[in-house]
Amino acid sequence: MEIPKDEILDLLRQRGQGDKASQAEGELPDRVDPEQHADLLSKLGIDPKDLLGGLGGGLGAKLGL
């Protein structure tokens, strides 16, 4: 399941992590697979499980994934 990079950038900016959003913009592909890119996401402080709509109703739930 892939998530648009822009959604991840928005999430980081909403958290007040503009520096990490800039880093993510250069490192993440346009479509992010939370499982395949788990290492990159973790480095940015994002739990891949949250993106898939884990217990916290994360970004995946917001996107209807």
C-alpha atoms as a PDB file:
ATOM      1  CA  MET A   1       0.000   0.000   0.000  1.00  0.00           C
ATOM      2  CA  GLU A   2       1.556   3.296  -1.084  1.00  0.00           C
ATOM      3  CA  ILE A   3       1.068   6.768   0.353  1.00  0.00           C
ATOM      4  CA  PRO A   4       1.778  10.002  -1.542  1.00  0.00           C
ATOM      5  CA  LYS A   5       4.961  11.688  -0.350  1.00  0.00           C
ATOM      6  CA  ASP A   6       3.079  14.995  -0.048  1.00  0.00           C
ATOM      7  CA  GLU A   7       0.855  13.501   2.673  1.00  0.00           C
ATOM      8  CA  ILE A   8       3.925  12.519   4.694  1.00  0.00           C
ATOM      9  CA  LEU A   9       5.457  15.959   4.195  1.00  0.00           C
ATOM     10  CA  ASP A  10       2.212  17.545   5.414  1.00  0.00           C
ATOM     11  CA  LEU A  11       2.204  15.286   8.469  1.00  0.00           C
ATOM     12  CA  LEU A  12       5.744  16.325   9.380  1.00  0.00           C
ATOM     13  CA  ARG A  13       4.934  20.016   8.891  1.00  0.00           C
ATOM     14  CA  GLN A  14       1.813  19.689  11.070  1.00  0.00           C
ATOM     15  CA  ARG A  15       4.057  18.268  13.783  1.00  0.00           C
ATOM     16  CA  GLY A  16       6.288  21.329  13.483  1.00  0.00           C
ATOM     17  CA  GLN A  17       9.107  19.299  11.943  1.00  0.00           C
ATOM     18  CA  GLY A  18       9.868  21.412   8.898  1.00  0.00           C
ATOM     19  CA  ASP A  19      13.496  20.308   8.945  1.00  0.00           C
ATOM     20  CA  LYS A  20      12.488  16.663   8.686  1.00  0.00           C
ATOM     21  CA  ALA A  21       9.950  17.532   5.982  1.00  0.00           C
ATOM     22  CA  SER A  22      12.753  19.101   3.934  1.00  0.00           C
ATOM     23  CA  GLN A  23      14.885  16.017   4.487  1.00  0.00           C
ATOM     24  CA  ALA A  24      12.004  13.725   3.503  1.00  0.00           C
ATOM     25  CA  GLU A  25      11.347  15.714   0.362  1.00  0.00           C
ATOM     26  CA  GLY A  26      14.810  14.868  -0.892  1.00  0.00           C
ATOM     27  CA  GLU A  27      14.948  11.260   0.289  1.00  0.00           C
ATOM     28  CA  LEU A  28      11.489   9.758  -0.185  1.00  0.00           C
ATOM     29  CA  PRO A  29      10.061   8.653  -3.532  1.00  0.00           C
ATOM     30  CA  ASP A  30       6.822  10.205  -4.822  1.00  0.00           C
ATOM     31  CA  ARG A  31       4.871   7.142  -3.662  1.00  0.00           C
ATOM     32  CA  VAL A  32       5.975   5.730  -0.307  1.00  0.00           C
ATOM     33  CA  ASP A  33       5.465   2.102   0.651  1.00  0.00           C
ATOM     34  CA  PRO A  34       5.537   2.107   4.487  1.00  0.00           C
ATOM     35  CA  GLU A  35       6.920  -1.447   4.599  1.00  0.00           C
ATOM     36  CA  GLN A  36       9.544  -1.002   1.896  1.00  0.00           C
ATOM     37  CA  HIS A  37      10.668   2.430   3.164  1.00  0.00           C
ATOM     38  CA  ALA A  38      10.381   1.664   6.898  1.00  0.00           C
ATOM     39  CA  ASP A  39      14.035   2.563   7.580  1.00  0.00           C
ATOM     40  CA  LEU A  40      13.716   5.989   5.962  1.00  0.00           C
ATOM     41  CA  LEU A  41      10.440   6.673   7.751  1.00  0.00           C
ATOM     42  CA  SER A  42      11.908   5.652  11.105  1.00  0.00           C
ATOM     43  CA  LYS A  43      14.845   7.975  10.508  1.00  0.00           C
ATOM     44  CA  LEU A  44      12.301  10.776  10.053  1.00  0.00           C
ATOM     45  CA  GLY A  45      10.519   9.850  13.288  1.00  0.00           C
ATOM     46  CA  ILE A  46       7.507   8.253  11.619  1.00  0.00           C
ATOM     47  CA  ASP A  47       6.280   4.827  12.682  1.00  0.00           C
ATOM     48  CA  PRO A  48       5.322   2.975   9.482  1.00  0.00           C
ATOM     49  CA  LYS A  49       2.471   1.310  11.393  1.00  0.00           C
ATOM     50  CA  ASP A  50       0.949   4.746  11.997  1.00  0.00           C
ATOM     51  CA  LEU A  51       0.858   5.403   8.265  1.00  0.00           C
ATOM     52  CA  LEU A  52      -1.061   2.210   7.712  1.00  0.00           C
ATOM     53  CA  GLY A  53      -3.746   3.297  10.187  1.00  0.00           C
ATOM     54  CA  GLY A  54      -2.535   1.280  13.157  1.00  0.00           C
ATOM     55  CA  LEU A  55      -4.027   1.751  16.600  1.00  0.00           C
ATOM     56  CA  GLY A  56      -3.779   5.523  16.453  1.00  0.00           C
ATOM     57  CA  GLY A  57      -5.915   5.899  13.314  1.00  0.00           C
ATOM     58  CA  GLY A  58      -2.888   7.345  11.538  1.00  0.00           C
ATOM     59  CA  LEU A  59      -2.412   8.806   8.100  1.00  0.00           C
ATOM     60  CA  GLY A  60      -3.574   5.602   6.433  1.00  0.00           C
ATOM     61  CA  ALA A  61      -6.957   5.953   8.108  1.00  0.00           C
ATOM     62  CA  LYS A  62      -7.121   9.612   7.101  1.00  0.00           C
ATOM     63  CA  LEU A  63      -6.503   8.618   3.491  1.00  0.00           C
ATOM     64  CA  GLY A  64      -9.030   5.804   3.661  1.00  0.00           C
ATOM     65  CA  LEU A  65      -6.392   3.107   3.231  1.00  0.00           C
END
